Amino acid sequence: MPRPDSASDGCGSVAIFPTTHWSVVLAAKRTNEPACAAALEKLCCTYWYPLYAHVRRRGHNEHDAEDLIQGFFAQLLERDWLHGVTNEKGRFRSFLLASLKYFLADQHDRATAQKRGDGGTLISFDSSKAEERYRLEPVDERSPDKIFEYRWAMTLLDQVLARLAREFADARKTHLFKLLQPFLVAGGGTMTYAQIAAEAGLSEEAFKKAVQRMRHRYHQLFREEIAQTVASPAEVEEELRHLCAVMGG
C-alpha cells in the first residue's frame, strides 16, 4: 500500500484551513443543525471498517460485530454524545474509539445489542464485504486499539489514492496514472524510469517530473484527508506524525 515517505516531505505548510467535517461537528455540537449531523454521518460512513475490525478483534463474531457497529452509529447520530468533546481533545479518531468503548461497555452491562431493522438511524455498509476483508487480512496479534489505529491509517491512504486516481481520470490520464502509481513510494517501481517513460510516450526526464508532481499531490491530499478529522491546523502535523508512526509500527 503506497504511503508518504515522511510526515512533511514535499508537503509544505497548510496555508488555509477550510471548514472541515469535524470542525463543523465541534462548532455545532450543542445544536441540532443539519450541517452537524451530515458532517458526523459522513465521517462515520468513511471510517466504519476500522471500528468493525476493532470489535472483531475483541472477540465478537461477525454478526454481533455488525449489530454492534450499527447500534453504535444509531446512538451516535441520535444522541448528544458530543457534549464532552472539547477542541483541545477534538480528534475524531480519539473521539470515535472512546465513544465505541463506552457503547460496548454499556451493551455488555445490558447483555444486549441494538439489532438491525428497529427503525433507528443506520450507517449503510456492506457487512459481507467487511467480513471478507477482515478474514483476508493477515493474522494480527496487536491489541484491538492498535488494530483500530492501523486500519484508520490505511483507510486514509485508500481515500487519498482514490482521490488521486479520480483526478487523473478527470484529466483523462488514467493510463498515465497506472504507469506512475508503482513509483508513488520512492523505490517502489520494479522497472526503470526510462522503461516506463517510453510506454508513457514521455522522455525519461519528463516522466521523472510527472512522478514528482504525483508524489507532491499525494502528500497534499493526505494532509487534506487528515485535516477533515481534526479541529485545528495545529493538529494536522501532530496527526501526520502519529499516523506515520502507526503505519511504520
Protein backbone atom coordinates (compact mmCIF):
# COMPACT_ATOMS: atom_id res chain seq x y z
CA MET A 1 0.00 0.00 0.00
CA PRO A 2 1.57 3.33 -1.02
CA ARG A 3 2.24 5.77 1.79
CA PRO A 4 4.05 9.08 2.27
CA ASP A 5 7.83 8.88 2.63
CA SER A 6 7.62 11.14 5.66
CA ALA A 7 5.22 13.37 7.51
CA SER A 8 6.40 16.54 5.81
CA ASP A 9 8.27 15.58 2.61
CA GLY A 10 7.11 17.81 -0.19
CA CYS A 11 4.03 18.93 1.68
CA GLY A 12 4.85 22.42 2.82
CA SER A 13 2.69 24.16 5.41
CA VAL A 14 -1.06 24.43 5.46
CA ALA A 15 -1.77 27.89 4.13
CA ILE A 16 -5.54 27.66 4.53
CA PHE A 17 -7.53 25.54 6.94
CA PRO A 18 -11.05 25.42 5.47
CA THR A 19 -14.11 24.35 7.38
CA THR A 20 -13.79 20.59 7.73
CA HIS A 21 -16.16 17.78 8.61
CA TRP A 22 -15.00 17.50 12.23
CA SER A 23 -14.67 21.23 12.83
CA VAL A 24 -18.29 21.59 11.67
CA VAL A 25 -19.35 18.96 14.21
CA LEU A 26 -17.42 20.61 17.04
CA ALA A 27 -18.73 24.06 16.21
CA ALA A 28 -22.32 22.83 16.22
CA LYS A 29 -22.07 20.08 18.83
CA ARG A 30 -24.73 21.55 21.14
CA THR A 31 -27.23 22.20 18.40
CA ASN A 32 -29.39 20.21 16.04
CA GLU A 33 -28.08 21.92 12.93
CA PRO A 34 -28.38 19.71 9.83
CA ALA A 35 -24.80 20.51 8.86
CA CYS A 36 -23.56 18.98 12.10
CA ALA A 37 -25.45 15.72 11.61
CA ALA A 38 -24.43 15.50 7.95
CA ALA A 39 -20.76 16.09 8.78
CA LEU A 40 -20.78 13.45 11.52
CA GLU A 41 -22.55 10.92 9.31
CA LYS A 42 -20.02 11.48 6.50
CA LEU A 43 -17.13 10.80 8.88
CA CYS A 44 -18.81 7.68 10.24
CA CYS A 45 -19.59 6.33 6.78
CA THR A 46 -15.95 6.68 5.83
CA TYR A 47 -14.43 5.06 8.89
CA TRP A 48 -16.77 2.25 9.88
CA TYR A 49 -14.33 -0.51 8.91
CA PRO A 50 -11.62 0.33 11.49
CA LEU A 51 -14.36 0.10 14.13
CA TYR A 52 -15.59 -3.20 12.73
CA ALA A 53 -12.05 -4.62 12.84
CA HIS A 54 -11.68 -3.37 16.41
CA VAL A 55 -14.88 -5.11 17.53
CA ARG A 56 -13.97 -8.35 15.76
CA ARG A 57 -10.53 -8.32 17.41
CA ARG A 58 -12.26 -8.02 20.79
CA GLY A 59 -13.75 -11.46 20.18
CA HIS A 60 -17.21 -10.71 18.79
CA ASN A 61 -18.39 -12.83 15.87
CA GLU A 62 -19.23 -11.26 12.53
CA HIS A 63 -22.99 -10.97 13.13
CA ASP A 64 -22.63 -9.47 16.60
CA ALA A 65 -19.95 -7.10 15.29
CA GLU A 66 -22.27 -5.87 12.57
CA ASP A 67 -25.14 -5.36 15.00
CA LEU A 68 -22.89 -3.58 17.49
CA ILE A 69 -21.48 -1.18 14.89
CA GLN A 70 -24.95 -0.42 13.54
CA GLY A 71 -26.28 0.14 17.04
CA PHE A 72 -23.30 2.33 17.90
CA PHE A 73 -23.79 4.56 14.87
CA ALA A 74 -27.53 4.78 15.52
CA GLN A 75 -26.94 6.08 19.05
CA LEU A 76 -24.06 8.30 17.98
CA LEU A 77 -26.17 10.05 15.38
CA GLU A 78 -29.30 10.32 17.52
CA ARG A 79 -27.95 11.34 20.92
CA ASP A 80 -25.94 14.24 22.26
CA TRP A 81 -22.70 12.30 22.52
CA LEU A 82 -20.64 15.38 21.72
CA HIS A 83 -21.18 17.40 24.86
CA GLY A 84 -17.97 16.17 26.48
CA VAL A 85 -15.74 16.80 23.47
CA THR A 86 -13.50 19.86 23.63
CA ASN A 87 -11.42 21.47 20.94
CA GLU A 88 -8.30 20.52 22.89
CA LYS A 89 -9.28 16.85 22.62
CA GLY A 90 -11.10 17.08 19.34
CA ARG A 91 -9.53 14.48 17.08
CA PHE A 92 -12.27 12.43 15.54
CA ARG A 93 -10.16 9.27 15.73
CA SER A 94 -9.84 9.57 19.52
CA PHE A 95 -13.46 10.57 19.99
CA LEU A 96 -14.76 7.70 17.90
CA LEU A 97 -12.77 4.99 19.67
CA ALA A 98 -13.58 6.32 23.15
CA SER A 99 -17.27 6.51 22.26
CA LEU A 100 -17.25 2.96 20.91
CA LYS A 101 -15.64 1.62 24.09
CA TYR A 102 -18.29 3.37 26.18
CA PHE A 103 -21.01 1.92 23.98
CA LEU A 104 -19.60 -1.62 24.17
CA ALA A 105 -19.33 -1.43 27.95
CA ASP A 106 -22.93 -0.24 28.13
CA GLN A 107 -24.08 -3.05 25.84
CA HIS A 108 -22.19 -5.59 27.91
CA ASP A 109 -23.88 -4.36 31.06
CA ARG A 110 -27.25 -4.71 29.41
CA ALA A 111 -26.28 -8.03 27.79
CA THR A 112 -27.94 -6.94 24.57
CA ALA A 113 -27.22 -5.13 21.33
CA GLN A 114 -29.44 -2.90 19.27
CA LYS A 115 -30.49 -5.01 16.28
CA ARG A 116 -30.99 -4.08 12.68
CA GLY A 117 -34.38 -3.08 11.34
CA ASP A 118 -35.66 -1.44 14.53
CA GLY A 119 -36.25 1.90 12.86
CA GLY A 120 -33.06 3.50 14.16
CA THR A 121 -30.73 5.63 12.13
CA LEU A 122 -28.24 3.31 10.42
CA ILE A 123 -25.00 3.78 8.55
CA SER A 124 -25.06 1.88 5.28
CA PHE A 125 -22.19 -0.53 4.75
CA ASP A 126 -21.76 -3.95 3.16
CA SER A 127 -21.26 -6.32 6.09
CA SER A 128 -20.41 -9.28 3.87
CA LYS A 129 -17.56 -7.34 2.30
CA ALA A 130 -16.45 -6.19 5.72
CA GLU A 131 -16.14 -9.75 6.96
CA GLU A 132 -14.48 -10.93 3.75
CA ARG A 133 -11.97 -8.12 4.07
CA TYR A 134 -11.36 -8.93 7.72
CA ARG A 135 -10.78 -12.63 7.02
CA LEU A 136 -8.37 -11.91 4.16
CA GLU A 137 -6.13 -9.77 6.32
CA PRO A 138 -3.01 -11.46 7.76
CA VAL A 139 -3.14 -12.65 11.36
CA ASP A 140 -2.54 -9.62 13.54
CA GLU A 141 -1.77 -10.12 17.22
CA ARG A 142 -1.89 -6.43 18.04
CA SER A 143 -4.41 -5.11 20.53
CA PRO A 144 -7.87 -4.02 19.35
CA ASP A 145 -6.82 -0.38 19.84
CA LYS A 146 -3.69 -0.82 17.71
CA ILE A 147 -5.69 -2.59 15.01
CA PHE A 148 -8.20 0.26 15.01
CA GLU A 149 -5.46 2.85 14.55
CA TYR A 150 -3.72 0.85 11.83
CA ARG A 151 -6.93 0.32 9.90
CA TRP A 152 -7.73 4.02 10.41
CA ALA A 153 -4.39 4.96 8.83
CA MET A 154 -4.85 2.55 5.94
CA THR A 155 -8.36 3.88 5.33
CA LEU A 156 -6.93 7.37 5.00
CA LEU A 157 -4.40 6.08 2.47
CA ASP A 158 -7.15 4.35 0.49
CA GLN A 159 -9.15 7.59 0.44
CA VAL A 160 -6.15 9.56 -0.80
CA LEU A 161 -5.28 7.06 -3.51
CA ALA A 162 -8.89 7.02 -4.71
CA ARG A 163 -8.96 10.83 -4.86
CA LEU A 164 -5.69 10.89 -6.79
CA ALA A 165 -6.99 8.31 -9.25
CA ARG A 166 -10.17 10.36 -9.79
CA GLU A 167 -8.13 13.48 -10.51
CA PHE A 168 -6.14 11.66 -13.20
CA ALA A 169 -9.35 10.17 -14.60
CA ASP A 170 -10.99 13.60 -14.75
CA ALA A 171 -7.96 14.82 -16.71
CA ARG A 172 -8.27 11.78 -19.00
CA LYS A 173 -4.92 10.47 -17.82
CA THR A 174 -5.94 7.14 -16.30
CA HIS A 175 -3.32 5.25 -18.30
CA LEU A 176 -0.60 7.62 -17.09
CA PHE A 177 -1.74 7.15 -13.51
CA LYS A 178 -1.42 3.37 -13.83
CA LEU A 179 2.14 3.83 -15.07
CA LEU A 180 3.02 6.34 -12.35
CA GLN A 181 1.40 4.56 -9.41
CA PRO A 182 4.20 2.00 -8.83
CA PHE A 183 6.55 4.96 -8.29
CA LEU A 184 4.33 6.65 -5.71
CA VAL A 185 6.69 5.45 -2.99
CA ALA A 186 10.40 6.02 -3.60
CA GLY A 187 11.98 2.78 -4.80
CA GLY A 188 8.59 1.18 -5.36
CA GLY A 189 8.84 0.52 -9.08
CA THR A 190 10.26 -2.73 -10.45
CA MET A 191 11.14 -1.15 -13.79
CA THR A 192 13.31 1.88 -14.52
CA TYR A 193 12.04 5.37 -15.31
CA ALA A 194 13.41 5.00 -18.83
CA GLN A 195 11.47 1.78 -19.45
CA ILE A 196 8.13 3.16 -18.27
CA ALA A 197 8.69 6.59 -19.83
CA ALA A 198 8.84 5.00 -23.26
CA GLU A 199 5.48 3.33 -22.70
CA ALA A 200 4.04 6.64 -21.49
CA GLY A 201 5.35 8.42 -24.58
CA LEU A 202 7.50 10.74 -22.47
CA SER A 203 11.17 11.43 -22.13
CA GLU A 204 12.82 9.99 -19.04
CA GLU A 205 13.20 13.48 -17.56
CA ALA A 206 9.55 14.33 -18.22
CA PHE A 207 8.46 11.08 -16.60
CA LYS A 208 10.58 11.82 -13.51
CA LYS A 209 8.91 15.22 -13.19
CA ALA A 210 5.48 13.60 -13.53
CA VAL A 211 6.38 11.23 -10.67
CA GLN A 212 7.49 14.18 -8.54
CA ARG A 213 4.25 16.05 -9.22
CA MET A 214 2.19 12.95 -8.40
CA ARG A 215 4.02 12.43 -5.08
CA HIS A 216 3.60 16.09 -4.18
CA ARG A 217 -0.12 15.96 -4.94
CA TYR A 218 -0.43 12.72 -2.97
CA HIS A 219 1.07 14.42 0.09
CA GLN A 220 -1.27 17.38 -0.32
CA LEU A 221 -4.31 15.13 -0.47
CA PHE A 222 -3.10 13.12 2.52
CA ARG A 223 -2.90 16.29 4.58
CA GLU A 224 -6.37 17.30 3.42
CA GLU A 225 -7.83 13.96 4.49
CA ILE A 226 -6.24 14.29 7.93
CA ALA A 227 -7.48 17.87 8.23
CA GLN A 228 -11.05 16.60 7.88
CA THR A 229 -10.70 14.72 11.19
CA VAL A 230 -9.03 17.30 13.43
CA ALA A 231 -10.26 20.54 14.90
CA SER A 232 -7.44 22.95 14.08
CA PRO A 233 -4.46 23.41 11.73
CA ALA A 234 -2.04 22.87 14.62
CA GLU A 235 -3.25 19.27 14.98
CA VAL A 236 -2.53 18.30 11.38
CA GLU A 237 1.23 17.92 11.82
CA GLU A 238 0.83 16.01 15.07
CA GLU A 239 -1.71 13.67 13.49
CA LEU A 240 0.57 13.16 10.49
CA ARG A 241 3.42 12.10 12.76
CA HIS A 242 1.16 9.80 14.72
CA LEU A 243 -0.31 8.08 11.67
CA CYS A 244 3.10 7.66 10.04
CA ALA A 245 4.30 6.05 13.28
CA VAL A 246 1.26 3.76 13.27
CA MET A 247 1.98 2.66 9.71
CA GLY A 248 5.63 2.15 10.50
CA GLY A 249 4.92 0.11 13.64
